[in-house]
Amino acid sequence: KYAYYLDKLVDILAQPAKEYNLSSP
């Protein structure tokens, strides 16, 4: 399970910045 959620965390981080949908520091 740890490996699965680590993979999912990396998938989110690997997105283009615009896909984060953030606008603040």
PDBML (XML) file of the C-alpha atoms, coordinates in Angstrom:
<?xml version="1.0" encoding="UTF-8" ?>
<PDBx:datablock datablockName="MODEL"
   xmlns:PDBx="http://pdbml.pdb.org/schema/pdbx-v50.xsd"
   xmlns:xsi="http://www.w3.org/2001/XMLSchema-instance"
   xsi:schemaLocation="http://pdbml.pdb.org/schema/pdbx-v50.xsd pdbx-v50.xsd">
   <PDBx:atom_siteCategory>
      <PDBx:atom_site id="1">
         <PDBx:B_iso_or_equiv>0.00</PDBx:B_iso_or_equiv>
         <PDBx:Cartn_x>0.000</PDBx:Cartn_x>
         <PDBx:Cartn_y>0.000</PDBx:Cartn_y>
         <PDBx:Cartn_z>0.000</PDBx:Cartn_z>
         <PDBx:auth_asym_id>A</PDBx:auth_asym_id>
         <PDBx:auth_atom_id>CA</PDBx:auth_atom_id>
         <PDBx:auth_comp_id>LYS</PDBx:auth_comp_id>
         <PDBx:auth_seq_id>1</PDBx:auth_seq_id>
         <PDBx:group_PDB>ATOM</PDBx:group_PDB>
         <PDBx:label_alt_id xsi:nil="true" />
         <PDBx:label_asym_id>A</PDBx:label_asym_id>
         <PDBx:label_atom_id>CA</PDBx:label_atom_id>
         <PDBx:label_comp_id>LYS</PDBx:label_comp_id>
         <PDBx:label_entity_id>1</PDBx:label_entity_id>
         <PDBx:label_seq_id>1</PDBx:label_seq_id>
         <PDBx:occupancy>1.00</PDBx:occupancy>
         <PDBx:pdbx_PDB_model_num>1</PDBx:pdbx_PDB_model_num>
         <PDBx:type_symbol>C</PDBx:type_symbol>
      </PDBx:atom_site>
      <PDBx:atom_site id="2">
         <PDBx:B_iso_or_equiv>0.00</PDBx:B_iso_or_equiv>
         <PDBx:Cartn_x>2.882</PDBx:Cartn_x>
         <PDBx:Cartn_y>2.351</PDBx:Cartn_y>
         <PDBx:Cartn_z>0.765</PDBx:Cartn_z>
         <PDBx:auth_asym_id>A</PDBx:auth_asym_id>
         <PDBx:auth_atom_id>CA</PDBx:auth_atom_id>
         <PDBx:auth_comp_id>TYR</PDBx:auth_comp_id>
         <PDBx:auth_seq_id>2</PDBx:auth_seq_id>
         <PDBx:group_PDB>ATOM</PDBx:group_PDB>
         <PDBx:label_alt_id xsi:nil="true" />
         <PDBx:label_asym_id>A</PDBx:label_asym_id>
         <PDBx:label_atom_id>CA</PDBx:label_atom_id>
         <PDBx:label_comp_id>TYR</PDBx:label_comp_id>
         <PDBx:label_entity_id>1</PDBx:label_entity_id>
         <PDBx:label_seq_id>2</PDBx:label_seq_id>
         <PDBx:occupancy>1.00</PDBx:occupancy>
         <PDBx:pdbx_PDB_model_num>1</PDBx:pdbx_PDB_model_num>
         <PDBx:type_symbol>C</PDBx:type_symbol>
      </PDBx:atom_site>
      <PDBx:atom_site id="3">
         <PDBx:B_iso_or_equiv>0.00</PDBx:B_iso_or_equiv>
         <PDBx:Cartn_x>4.342</PDBx:Cartn_x>
         <PDBx:Cartn_y>1.755</PDBx:Cartn_y>
         <PDBx:Cartn_z>-2.697</PDBx:Cartn_z>
         <PDBx:auth_asym_id>A</PDBx:auth_asym_id>
         <PDBx:auth_atom_id>CA</PDBx:auth_atom_id>
         <PDBx:auth_comp_id>ALA</PDBx:auth_comp_id>
         <PDBx:auth_seq_id>3</PDBx:auth_seq_id>
         <PDBx:group_PDB>ATOM</PDBx:group_PDB>
         <PDBx:label_alt_id xsi:nil="true" />
         <PDBx:label_asym_id>A</PDBx:label_asym_id>
         <PDBx:label_atom_id>CA</PDBx:label_atom_id>
         <PDBx:label_comp_id>ALA</PDBx:label_comp_id>
         <PDBx:label_entity_id>1</PDBx:label_entity_id>
         <PDBx:label_seq_id>3</PDBx:label_seq_id>
         <PDBx:occupancy>1.00</PDBx:occupancy>
         <PDBx:pdbx_PDB_model_num>1</PDBx:pdbx_PDB_model_num>
         <PDBx:type_symbol>C</PDBx:type_symbol>
      </PDBx:atom_site>
      <PDBx:atom_site id="4">
         <PDBx:B_iso_or_equiv>0.00</PDBx:B_iso_or_equiv>
         <PDBx:Cartn_x>0.942</PDBx:Cartn_x>
         <PDBx:Cartn_y>2.331</PDBx:Cartn_y>
         <PDBx:Cartn_z>-4.301</PDBx:Cartn_z>
         <PDBx:auth_asym_id>A</PDBx:auth_asym_id>
         <PDBx:auth_atom_id>CA</PDBx:auth_atom_id>
         <PDBx:auth_comp_id>TYR</PDBx:auth_comp_id>
         <PDBx:auth_seq_id>4</PDBx:auth_seq_id>
         <PDBx:group_PDB>ATOM</PDBx:group_PDB>
         <PDBx:label_alt_id xsi:nil="true" />
         <PDBx:label_asym_id>A</PDBx:label_asym_id>
         <PDBx:label_atom_id>CA</PDBx:label_atom_id>
         <PDBx:label_comp_id>TYR</PDBx:label_comp_id>
         <PDBx:label_entity_id>1</PDBx:label_entity_id>
         <PDBx:label_seq_id>4</PDBx:label_seq_id>
         <PDBx:occupancy>1.00</PDBx:occupancy>
         <PDBx:pdbx_PDB_model_num>1</PDBx:pdbx_PDB_model_num>
         <PDBx:type_symbol>C</PDBx:type_symbol>
      </PDBx:atom_site>
      <PDBx:atom_site id="5">
         <PDBx:B_iso_or_equiv>0.00</PDBx:B_iso_or_equiv>
         <PDBx:Cartn_x>0.408</PDBx:Cartn_x>
         <PDBx:Cartn_y>5.719</PDBx:Cartn_y>
         <PDBx:Cartn_z>-2.645</PDBx:Cartn_z>
         <PDBx:auth_asym_id>A</PDBx:auth_asym_id>
         <PDBx:auth_atom_id>CA</PDBx:auth_atom_id>
         <PDBx:auth_comp_id>TYR</PDBx:auth_comp_id>
         <PDBx:auth_seq_id>5</PDBx:auth_seq_id>
         <PDBx:group_PDB>ATOM</PDBx:group_PDB>
         <PDBx:label_alt_id xsi:nil="true" />
         <PDBx:label_asym_id>A</PDBx:label_asym_id>
         <PDBx:label_atom_id>CA</PDBx:label_atom_id>
         <PDBx:label_comp_id>TYR</PDBx:label_comp_id>
         <PDBx:label_entity_id>1</PDBx:label_entity_id>
         <PDBx:label_seq_id>5</PDBx:label_seq_id>
         <PDBx:occupancy>1.00</PDBx:occupancy>
         <PDBx:pdbx_PDB_model_num>1</PDBx:pdbx_PDB_model_num>
         <PDBx:type_symbol>C</PDBx:type_symbol>
      </PDBx:atom_site>
      <PDBx:atom_site id="6">
         <PDBx:B_iso_or_equiv>0.00</PDBx:B_iso_or_equiv>
         <PDBx:Cartn_x>4.016</PDBx:Cartn_x>
         <PDBx:Cartn_y>6.697</PDBx:Cartn_y>
         <PDBx:Cartn_z>-3.300</PDBx:Cartn_z>
         <PDBx:auth_asym_id>A</PDBx:auth_asym_id>
         <PDBx:auth_atom_id>CA</PDBx:auth_atom_id>
         <PDBx:auth_comp_id>LEU</PDBx:auth_comp_id>
         <PDBx:auth_seq_id>6</PDBx:auth_seq_id>
         <PDBx:group_PDB>ATOM</PDBx:group_PDB>
         <PDBx:label_alt_id xsi:nil="true" />
         <PDBx:label_asym_id>A</PDBx:label_asym_id>
         <PDBx:label_atom_id>CA</PDBx:label_atom_id>
         <PDBx:label_comp_id>LEU</PDBx:label_comp_id>
         <PDBx:label_entity_id>1</PDBx:label_entity_id>
         <PDBx:label_seq_id>6</PDBx:label_seq_id>
         <PDBx:occupancy>1.00</PDBx:occupancy>
         <PDBx:pdbx_PDB_model_num>1</PDBx:pdbx_PDB_model_num>
         <PDBx:type_symbol>C</PDBx:type_symbol>
      </PDBx:atom_site>
      <PDBx:atom_site id="7">
         <PDBx:B_iso_or_equiv>0.00</PDBx:B_iso_or_equiv>
         <PDBx:Cartn_x>3.373</PDBx:Cartn_x>
         <PDBx:Cartn_y>6.052</PDBx:Cartn_y>
         <PDBx:Cartn_z>-6.991</PDBx:Cartn_z>
         <PDBx:auth_asym_id>A</PDBx:auth_asym_id>
         <PDBx:auth_atom_id>CA</PDBx:auth_atom_id>
         <PDBx:auth_comp_id>ASP</PDBx:auth_comp_id>
         <PDBx:auth_seq_id>7</PDBx:auth_seq_id>
         <PDBx:group_PDB>ATOM</PDBx:group_PDB>
         <PDBx:label_alt_id xsi:nil="true" />
         <PDBx:label_asym_id>A</PDBx:label_asym_id>
         <PDBx:label_atom_id>CA</PDBx:label_atom_id>
         <PDBx:label_comp_id>ASP</PDBx:label_comp_id>
         <PDBx:label_entity_id>1</PDBx:label_entity_id>
         <PDBx:label_seq_id>7</PDBx:label_seq_id>
         <PDBx:occupancy>1.00</PDBx:occupancy>
         <PDBx:pdbx_PDB_model_num>1</PDBx:pdbx_PDB_model_num>
         <PDBx:type_symbol>C</PDBx:type_symbol>
      </PDBx:atom_site>
      <PDBx:atom_site id="8">
         <PDBx:B_iso_or_equiv>0.00</PDBx:B_iso_or_equiv>
         <PDBx:Cartn_x>0.182</PDBx:Cartn_x>
         <PDBx:Cartn_y>8.134</PDBx:Cartn_y>
         <PDBx:Cartn_z>-6.845</PDBx:Cartn_z>
         <PDBx:auth_asym_id>A</PDBx:auth_asym_id>
         <PDBx:auth_atom_id>CA</PDBx:auth_atom_id>
         <PDBx:auth_comp_id>LYS</PDBx:auth_comp_id>
         <PDBx:auth_seq_id>8</PDBx:auth_seq_id>
         <PDBx:group_PDB>ATOM</PDBx:group_PDB>
         <PDBx:label_alt_id xsi:nil="true" />
         <PDBx:label_asym_id>A</PDBx:label_asym_id>
         <PDBx:label_atom_id>CA</PDBx:label_atom_id>
         <PDBx:label_comp_id>LYS</PDBx:label_comp_id>
         <PDBx:label_entity_id>1</PDBx:label_entity_id>
         <PDBx:label_seq_id>8</PDBx:label_seq_id>
         <PDBx:occupancy>1.00</PDBx:occupancy>
         <PDBx:pdbx_PDB_model_num>1</PDBx:pdbx_PDB_model_num>
         <PDBx:type_symbol>C</PDBx:type_symbol>
      </PDBx:atom_site>
      <PDBx:atom_site id="9">
         <PDBx:B_iso_or_equiv>0.00</PDBx:B_iso_or_equiv>
         <PDBx:Cartn_x>2.029</PDBx:Cartn_x>
         <PDBx:Cartn_y>10.982</PDBx:Cartn_y>
         <PDBx:Cartn_z>-5.133</PDBx:Cartn_z>
         <PDBx:auth_asym_id>A</PDBx:auth_asym_id>
         <PDBx:auth_atom_id>CA</PDBx:auth_atom_id>
         <PDBx:auth_comp_id>LEU</PDBx:auth_comp_id>
         <PDBx:auth_seq_id>9</PDBx:auth_seq_id>
         <PDBx:group_PDB>ATOM</PDBx:group_PDB>
         <PDBx:label_alt_id xsi:nil="true" />
         <PDBx:label_asym_id>A</PDBx:label_asym_id>
         <PDBx:label_atom_id>CA</PDBx:label_atom_id>
         <PDBx:label_comp_id>LEU</PDBx:label_comp_id>
         <PDBx:label_entity_id>1</PDBx:label_entity_id>
         <PDBx:label_seq_id>9</PDBx:label_seq_id>
         <PDBx:occupancy>1.00</PDBx:occupancy>
         <PDBx:pdbx_PDB_model_num>1</PDBx:pdbx_PDB_model_num>
         <PDBx:type_symbol>C</PDBx:type_symbol>
      </PDBx:atom_site>
      <PDBx:atom_site id="10">
         <PDBx:B_iso_or_equiv>0.00</PDBx:B_iso_or_equiv>
         <PDBx:Cartn_x>4.673</PDBx:Cartn_x>
         <PDBx:Cartn_y>10.950</PDBx:Cartn_y>
         <PDBx:Cartn_z>-7.872</PDBx:Cartn_z>
         <PDBx:auth_asym_id>A</PDBx:auth_asym_id>
         <PDBx:auth_atom_id>CA</PDBx:auth_atom_id>
         <PDBx:auth_comp_id>VAL</PDBx:auth_comp_id>
         <PDBx:auth_seq_id>10</PDBx:auth_seq_id>
         <PDBx:group_PDB>ATOM</PDBx:group_PDB>
         <PDBx:label_alt_id xsi:nil="true" />
         <PDBx:label_asym_id>A</PDBx:label_asym_id>
         <PDBx:label_atom_id>CA</PDBx:label_atom_id>
         <PDBx:label_comp_id>VAL</PDBx:label_comp_id>
         <PDBx:label_entity_id>1</PDBx:label_entity_id>
         <PDBx:label_seq_id>10</PDBx:label_seq_id>
         <PDBx:occupancy>1.00</PDBx:occupancy>
         <PDBx:pdbx_PDB_model_num>1</PDBx:pdbx_PDB_model_num>
         <PDBx:type_symbol>C</PDBx:type_symbol>
      </PDBx:atom_site>
      <PDBx:atom_site id="11">
         <PDBx:B_iso_or_equiv>0.00</PDBx:B_iso_or_equiv>
         <PDBx:Cartn_x>1.960</PDBx:Cartn_x>
         <PDBx:Cartn_y>10.950</PDBx:Cartn_y>
         <PDBx:Cartn_z>-10.551</PDBx:Cartn_z>
         <PDBx:auth_asym_id>A</PDBx:auth_asym_id>
         <PDBx:auth_atom_id>CA</PDBx:auth_atom_id>
         <PDBx:auth_comp_id>ASP</PDBx:auth_comp_id>
         <PDBx:auth_seq_id>11</PDBx:auth_seq_id>
         <PDBx:group_PDB>ATOM</PDBx:group_PDB>
         <PDBx:label_alt_id xsi:nil="true" />
         <PDBx:label_asym_id>A</PDBx:label_asym_id>
         <PDBx:label_atom_id>CA</PDBx:label_atom_id>
         <PDBx:label_comp_id>ASP</PDBx:label_comp_id>
         <PDBx:label_entity_id>1</PDBx:label_entity_id>
         <PDBx:label_seq_id>11</PDBx:label_seq_id>
         <PDBx:occupancy>1.00</PDBx:occupancy>
         <PDBx:pdbx_PDB_model_num>1</PDBx:pdbx_PDB_model_num>
         <PDBx:type_symbol>C</PDBx:type_symbol>
      </PDBx:atom_site>
      <PDBx:atom_site id="12">
         <PDBx:B_iso_or_equiv>0.00</PDBx:B_iso_or_equiv>
         <PDBx:Cartn_x>0.489</PDBx:Cartn_x>
         <PDBx:Cartn_y>14.146</PDBx:Cartn_y>
         <PDBx:Cartn_z>-9.082</PDBx:Cartn_z>
         <PDBx:auth_asym_id>A</PDBx:auth_asym_id>
         <PDBx:auth_atom_id>CA</PDBx:auth_atom_id>
         <PDBx:auth_comp_id>ILE</PDBx:auth_comp_id>
         <PDBx:auth_seq_id>12</PDBx:auth_seq_id>
         <PDBx:group_PDB>ATOM</PDBx:group_PDB>
         <PDBx:label_alt_id xsi:nil="true" />
         <PDBx:label_asym_id>A</PDBx:label_asym_id>
         <PDBx:label_atom_id>CA</PDBx:label_atom_id>
         <PDBx:label_comp_id>ILE</PDBx:label_comp_id>
         <PDBx:label_entity_id>1</PDBx:label_entity_id>
         <PDBx:label_seq_id>12</PDBx:label_seq_id>
         <PDBx:occupancy>1.00</PDBx:occupancy>
         <PDBx:pdbx_PDB_model_num>1</PDBx:pdbx_PDB_model_num>
         <PDBx:type_symbol>C</PDBx:type_symbol>
      </PDBx:atom_site>
      <PDBx:atom_site id="13">
         <PDBx:B_iso_or_equiv>0.00</PDBx:B_iso_or_equiv>
         <PDBx:Cartn_x>3.894</PDBx:Cartn_x>
         <PDBx:Cartn_y>15.818</PDBx:Cartn_y>
         <PDBx:Cartn_z>-8.790</PDBx:Cartn_z>
         <PDBx:auth_asym_id>A</PDBx:auth_asym_id>
         <PDBx:auth_atom_id>CA</PDBx:auth_atom_id>
         <PDBx:auth_comp_id>LEU</PDBx:auth_comp_id>
         <PDBx:auth_seq_id>13</PDBx:auth_seq_id>
         <PDBx:group_PDB>ATOM</PDBx:group_PDB>
         <PDBx:label_alt_id xsi:nil="true" />
         <PDBx:label_asym_id>A</PDBx:label_asym_id>
         <PDBx:label_atom_id>CA</PDBx:label_atom_id>
         <PDBx:label_comp_id>LEU</PDBx:label_comp_id>
         <PDBx:label_entity_id>1</PDBx:label_entity_id>
         <PDBx:label_seq_id>13</PDBx:label_seq_id>
         <PDBx:occupancy>1.00</PDBx:occupancy>
         <PDBx:pdbx_PDB_model_num>1</PDBx:pdbx_PDB_model_num>
         <PDBx:type_symbol>C</PDBx:type_symbol>
      </PDBx:atom_site>
      <PDBx:atom_site id="14">
         <PDBx:B_iso_or_equiv>0.00</PDBx:B_iso_or_equiv>
         <PDBx:Cartn_x>4.854</PDBx:Cartn_x>
         <PDBx:Cartn_y>14.894</PDBx:Cartn_y>
         <PDBx:Cartn_z>-12.361</PDBx:Cartn_z>
         <PDBx:auth_asym_id>A</PDBx:auth_asym_id>
         <PDBx:auth_atom_id>CA</PDBx:auth_atom_id>
         <PDBx:auth_comp_id>ALA</PDBx:auth_comp_id>
         <PDBx:auth_seq_id>14</PDBx:auth_seq_id>
         <PDBx:group_PDB>ATOM</PDBx:group_PDB>
         <PDBx:label_alt_id xsi:nil="true" />
         <PDBx:label_asym_id>A</PDBx:label_asym_id>
         <PDBx:label_atom_id>CA</PDBx:label_atom_id>
         <PDBx:label_comp_id>ALA</PDBx:label_comp_id>
         <PDBx:label_entity_id>1</PDBx:label_entity_id>
         <PDBx:label_seq_id>14</PDBx:label_seq_id>
         <PDBx:occupancy>1.00</PDBx:occupancy>
         <PDBx:pdbx_PDB_model_num>1</PDBx:pdbx_PDB_model_num>
         <PDBx:type_symbol>C</PDBx:type_symbol>
      </PDBx:atom_site>
      <PDBx:atom_site id="15">
         <PDBx:B_iso_or_equiv>0.00</PDBx:B_iso_or_equiv>
         <PDBx:Cartn_x>2.000</PDBx:Cartn_x>
         <PDBx:Cartn_y>16.917</PDBx:Cartn_y>
         <PDBx:Cartn_z>-13.847</PDBx:Cartn_z>
         <PDBx:auth_asym_id>A</PDBx:auth_asym_id>
         <PDBx:auth_atom_id>CA</PDBx:auth_atom_id>
         <PDBx:auth_comp_id>GLN</PDBx:auth_comp_id>
         <PDBx:auth_seq_id>15</PDBx:auth_seq_id>
         <PDBx:group_PDB>ATOM</PDBx:group_PDB>
         <PDBx:label_alt_id xsi:nil="true" />
         <PDBx:label_asym_id>A</PDBx:label_asym_id>
         <PDBx:label_atom_id>CA</PDBx:label_atom_id>
         <PDBx:label_comp_id>GLN</PDBx:label_comp_id>
         <PDBx:label_entity_id>1</PDBx:label_entity_id>
         <PDBx:label_seq_id>15</PDBx:label_seq_id>
         <PDBx:occupancy>1.00</PDBx:occupancy>
         <PDBx:pdbx_PDB_model_num>1</PDBx:pdbx_PDB_model_num>
         <PDBx:type_symbol>C</PDBx:type_symbol>
      </PDBx:atom_site>
      <PDBx:atom_site id="16">
         <PDBx:B_iso_or_equiv>0.00</PDBx:B_iso_or_equiv>
         <PDBx:Cartn_x>2.500</PDBx:Cartn_x>
         <PDBx:Cartn_y>20.253</PDBx:Cartn_y>
         <PDBx:Cartn_z>-15.628</PDBx:Cartn_z>
         <PDBx:auth_asym_id>A</PDBx:auth_asym_id>
         <PDBx:auth_atom_id>CA</PDBx:auth_atom_id>
         <PDBx:auth_comp_id>PRO</PDBx:auth_comp_id>
         <PDBx:auth_seq_id>16</PDBx:auth_seq_id>
         <PDBx:group_PDB>ATOM</PDBx:group_PDB>
         <PDBx:label_alt_id xsi:nil="true" />
         <PDBx:label_asym_id>A</PDBx:label_asym_id>
         <PDBx:label_atom_id>CA</PDBx:label_atom_id>
         <PDBx:label_comp_id>PRO</PDBx:label_comp_id>
         <PDBx:label_entity_id>1</PDBx:label_entity_id>
         <PDBx:label_seq_id>16</PDBx:label_seq_id>
         <PDBx:occupancy>1.00</PDBx:occupancy>
         <PDBx:pdbx_PDB_model_num>1</PDBx:pdbx_PDB_model_num>
         <PDBx:type_symbol>C</PDBx:type_symbol>
      </PDBx:atom_site>
      <PDBx:atom_site id="17">
         <PDBx:B_iso_or_equiv>0.00</PDBx:B_iso_or_equiv>
         <PDBx:Cartn_x>2.326</PDBx:Cartn_x>
         <PDBx:Cartn_y>23.112</PDBx:Cartn_y>
         <PDBx:Cartn_z>-13.134</PDBx:Cartn_z>
         <PDBx:auth_asym_id>A</PDBx:auth_asym_id>
         <PDBx:auth_atom_id>CA</PDBx:auth_atom_id>
         <PDBx:auth_comp_id>ALA</PDBx:auth_comp_id>
         <PDBx:auth_seq_id>17</PDBx:auth_seq_id>
         <PDBx:group_PDB>ATOM</PDBx:group_PDB>
         <PDBx:label_alt_id xsi:nil="true" />
         <PDBx:label_asym_id>A</PDBx:label_asym_id>
         <PDBx:label_atom_id>CA</PDBx:label_atom_id>
         <PDBx:label_comp_id>ALA</PDBx:label_comp_id>
         <PDBx:label_entity_id>1</PDBx:label_entity_id>
         <PDBx:label_seq_id>17</PDBx:label_seq_id>
         <PDBx:occupancy>1.00</PDBx:occupancy>
         <PDBx:pdbx_PDB_model_num>1</PDBx:pdbx_PDB_model_num>
         <PDBx:type_symbol>C</PDBx:type_symbol>
      </PDBx:atom_site>
      <PDBx:atom_site id="18">
         <PDBx:B_iso_or_equiv>0.00</PDBx:B_iso_or_equiv>
         <PDBx:Cartn_x>-1.003</PDBx:Cartn_x>
         <PDBx:Cartn_y>24.335</PDBx:Cartn_y>
         <PDBx:Cartn_z>-14.490</PDBx:Cartn_z>
         <PDBx:auth_asym_id>A</PDBx:auth_asym_id>
         <PDBx:auth_atom_id>CA</PDBx:auth_atom_id>
         <PDBx:auth_comp_id>LYS</PDBx:auth_comp_id>
         <PDBx:auth_seq_id>18</PDBx:auth_seq_id>
         <PDBx:group_PDB>ATOM</PDBx:group_PDB>
         <PDBx:label_alt_id xsi:nil="true" />
         <PDBx:label_asym_id>A</PDBx:label_asym_id>
         <PDBx:label_atom_id>CA</PDBx:label_atom_id>
         <PDBx:label_comp_id>LYS</PDBx:label_comp_id>
         <PDBx:label_entity_id>1</PDBx:label_entity_id>
         <PDBx:label_seq_id>18</PDBx:label_seq_id>
         <PDBx:occupancy>1.00</PDBx:occupancy>
         <PDBx:pdbx_PDB_model_num>1</PDBx:pdbx_PDB_model_num>
         <PDBx:type_symbol>C</PDBx:type_symbol>
      </PDBx:atom_site>
      <PDBx:atom_site id="19">
         <PDBx:B_iso_or_equiv>0.00</PDBx:B_iso_or_equiv>
         <PDBx:Cartn_x>-2.573</PDBx:Cartn_x>
         <PDBx:Cartn_y>20.987</PDBx:Cartn_y>
         <PDBx:Cartn_z>-13.550</PDBx:Cartn_z>
         <PDBx:auth_asym_id>A</PDBx:auth_asym_id>
         <PDBx:auth_atom_id>CA</PDBx:auth_atom_id>
         <PDBx:auth_comp_id>GLU</PDBx:auth_comp_id>
         <PDBx:auth_seq_id>19</PDBx:auth_seq_id>
         <PDBx:group_PDB>ATOM</PDBx:group_PDB>
         <PDBx:label_alt_id xsi:nil="true" />
         <PDBx:label_asym_id>A</PDBx:label_asym_id>
         <PDBx:label_atom_id>CA</PDBx:label_atom_id>
         <PDBx:label_comp_id>GLU</PDBx:label_comp_id>
         <PDBx:label_entity_id>1</PDBx:label_entity_id>
         <PDBx:label_seq_id>19</PDBx:label_seq_id>
         <PDBx:occupancy>1.00</PDBx:occupancy>
         <PDBx:pdbx_PDB_model_num>1</PDBx:pdbx_PDB_model_num>
         <PDBx:type_symbol>C</PDBx:type_symbol>
      </PDBx:atom_site>
      <PDBx:atom_site id="20">
         <PDBx:B_iso_or_equiv>0.00</PDBx:B_iso_or_equiv>
         <PDBx:Cartn_x>-1.814</PDBx:Cartn_x>
         <PDBx:Cartn_y>21.670</PDBx:Cartn_y>
         <PDBx:Cartn_z>-9.886</PDBx:Cartn_z>
         <PDBx:auth_asym_id>A</PDBx:auth_asym_id>
         <PDBx:auth_atom_id>CA</PDBx:auth_atom_id>
         <PDBx:auth_comp_id>TYR</PDBx:auth_comp_id>
         <PDBx:auth_seq_id>20</PDBx:auth_seq_id>
         <PDBx:group_PDB>ATOM</PDBx:group_PDB>
         <PDBx:label_alt_id xsi:nil="true" />
         <PDBx:label_asym_id>A</PDBx:label_asym_id>
         <PDBx:label_atom_id>CA</PDBx:label_atom_id>
         <PDBx:label_comp_id>TYR</PDBx:label_comp_id>
         <PDBx:label_entity_id>1</PDBx:label_entity_id>
         <PDBx:label_seq_id>20</PDBx:label_seq_id>
         <PDBx:occupancy>1.00</PDBx:occupancy>
         <PDBx:pdbx_PDB_model_num>1</PDBx:pdbx_PDB_model_num>
         <PDBx:type_symbol>C</PDBx:type_symbol>
      </PDBx:atom_site>
      <PDBx:atom_site id="21">
         <PDBx:B_iso_or_equiv>0.00</PDBx:B_iso_or_equiv>
         <PDBx:Cartn_x>-4.468</PDBx:Cartn_x>
         <PDBx:Cartn_y>24.401</PDBx:Cartn_y>
         <PDBx:Cartn_z>-10.086</PDBx:Cartn_z>
         <PDBx:auth_asym_id>A</PDBx:auth_asym_id>
         <PDBx:auth_atom_id>CA</PDBx:auth_atom_id>
         <PDBx:auth_comp_id>ASN</PDBx:auth_comp_id>
         <PDBx:auth_seq_id>21</PDBx:auth_seq_id>
         <PDBx:group_PDB>ATOM</PDBx:group_PDB>
         <PDBx:label_alt_id xsi:nil="true" />
         <PDBx:label_asym_id>A</PDBx:label_asym_id>
         <PDBx:label_atom_id>CA</PDBx:label_atom_id>
         <PDBx:label_comp_id>ASN</PDBx:label_comp_id>
         <PDBx:label_entity_id>1</PDBx:label_entity_id>
         <PDBx:label_seq_id>21</PDBx:label_seq_id>
         <PDBx:occupancy>1.00</PDBx:occupancy>
         <PDBx:pdbx_PDB_model_num>1</PDBx:pdbx_PDB_model_num>
         <PDBx:type_symbol>C</PDBx:type_symbol>
      </PDBx:atom_site>
      <PDBx:atom_site id="22">
         <PDBx:B_iso_or_equiv>0.00</PDBx:B_iso_or_equiv>
         <PDBx:Cartn_x>-2.630</PDBx:Cartn_x>
         <PDBx:Cartn_y>26.595</PDBx:Cartn_y>
         <PDBx:Cartn_z>-7.567</PDBx:Cartn_z>
         <PDBx:auth_asym_id>A</PDBx:auth_asym_id>
         <PDBx:auth_atom_id>CA</PDBx:auth_atom_id>
         <PDBx:auth_comp_id>LEU</PDBx:auth_comp_id>
         <PDBx:auth_seq_id>22</PDBx:auth_seq_id>
         <PDBx:group_PDB>ATOM</PDBx:group_PDB>
         <PDBx:label_alt_id xsi:nil="true" />
         <PDBx:label_asym_id>A</PDBx:label_asym_id>
         <PDBx:label_atom_id>CA</PDBx:label_atom_id>
         <PDBx:label_comp_id>LEU</PDBx:label_comp_id>
         <PDBx:label_entity_id>1</PDBx:label_entity_id>
         <PDBx:label_seq_id>22</PDBx:label_seq_id>
         <PDBx:occupancy>1.00</PDBx:occupancy>
         <PDBx:pdbx_PDB_model_num>1</PDBx:pdbx_PDB_model_num>
         <PDBx:type_symbol>C</PDBx:type_symbol>
      </PDBx:atom_site>
      <PDBx:atom_site id="23">
         <PDBx:B_iso_or_equiv>0.00</PDBx:B_iso_or_equiv>
         <PDBx:Cartn_x>-2.031</PDBx:Cartn_x>
         <PDBx:Cartn_y>30.344</PDBx:Cartn_y>
         <PDBx:Cartn_z>-7.651</PDBx:Cartn_z>
         <PDBx:auth_asym_id>A</PDBx:auth_asym_id>
         <PDBx:auth_atom_id>CA</PDBx:auth_atom_id>
         <PDBx:auth_comp_id>SER</PDBx:auth_comp_id>
         <PDBx:auth_seq_id>23</PDBx:auth_seq_id>
         <PDBx:group_PDB>ATOM</PDBx:group_PDB>
         <PDBx:label_alt_id xsi:nil="true" />
         <PDBx:label_asym_id>A</PDBx:label_asym_id>
         <PDBx:label_atom_id>CA</PDBx:label_atom_id>
         <PDBx:label_comp_id>SER</PDBx:label_comp_id>
         <PDBx:label_entity_id>1</PDBx:label_entity_id>
         <PDBx:label_seq_id>23</PDBx:label_seq_id>
         <PDBx:occupancy>1.00</PDBx:occupancy>
         <PDBx:pdbx_PDB_model_num>1</PDBx:pdbx_PDB_model_num>
         <PDBx:type_symbol>C</PDBx:type_symbol>
      </PDBx:atom_site>
      <PDBx:atom_site id="24">
         <PDBx:B_iso_or_equiv>0.00</PDBx:B_iso_or_equiv>
         <PDBx:Cartn_x>-0.332</PDBx:Cartn_x>
         <PDBx:Cartn_y>31.194</PDBx:Cartn_y>
         <PDBx:Cartn_z>-4.366</PDBx:Cartn_z>
         <PDBx:auth_asym_id>A</PDBx:auth_asym_id>
         <PDBx:auth_atom_id>CA</PDBx:auth_atom_id>
         <PDBx:auth_comp_id>SER</PDBx:auth_comp_id>
         <PDBx:auth_seq_id>24</PDBx:auth_seq_id>
         <PDBx:group_PDB>ATOM</PDBx:group_PDB>
         <PDBx:label_alt_id xsi:nil="true" />
         <PDBx:label_asym_id>A</PDBx:label_asym_id>
         <PDBx:label_atom_id>CA</PDBx:label_atom_id>
         <PDBx:label_comp_id>SER</PDBx:label_comp_id>
         <PDBx:label_entity_id>1</PDBx:label_entity_id>
         <PDBx:label_seq_id>24</PDBx:label_seq_id>
         <PDBx:occupancy>1.00</PDBx:occupancy>
         <PDBx:pdbx_PDB_model_num>1</PDBx:pdbx_PDB_model_num>
         <PDBx:type_symbol>C</PDBx:type_symbol>
      </PDBx:atom_site>
      <PDBx:atom_site id="25">
         <PDBx:B_iso_or_equiv>0.00</PDBx:B_iso_or_equiv>
         <PDBx:Cartn_x>3.040</PDBx:Cartn_x>
         <PDBx:Cartn_y>30.509</PDBx:Cartn_y>
         <PDBx:Cartn_z>-2.719</PDBx:Cartn_z>
         <PDBx:auth_asym_id>A</PDBx:auth_asym_id>
         <PDBx:auth_atom_id>CA</PDBx:auth_atom_id>
         <PDBx:auth_comp_id>PRO</PDBx:auth_comp_id>
         <PDBx:auth_seq_id>25</PDBx:auth_seq_id>
         <PDBx:group_PDB>ATOM</PDBx:group_PDB>
         <PDBx:label_alt_id xsi:nil="true" />
         <PDBx:label_asym_id>A</PDBx:label_asym_id>
         <PDBx:label_atom_id>CA</PDBx:label_atom_id>
         <PDBx:label_comp_id>PRO</PDBx:label_comp_id>
         <PDBx:label_entity_id>1</PDBx:label_entity_id>
         <PDBx:label_seq_id>25</PDBx:label_seq_id>
         <PDBx:occupancy>1.00</PDBx:occupancy>
         <PDBx:pdbx_PDB_model_num>1</PDBx:pdbx_PDB_model_num>
         <PDBx:type_symbol>C</PDBx:type_symbol>
      </PDBx:atom_site>
   </PDBx:atom_siteCategory>
</PDBx:datablock>
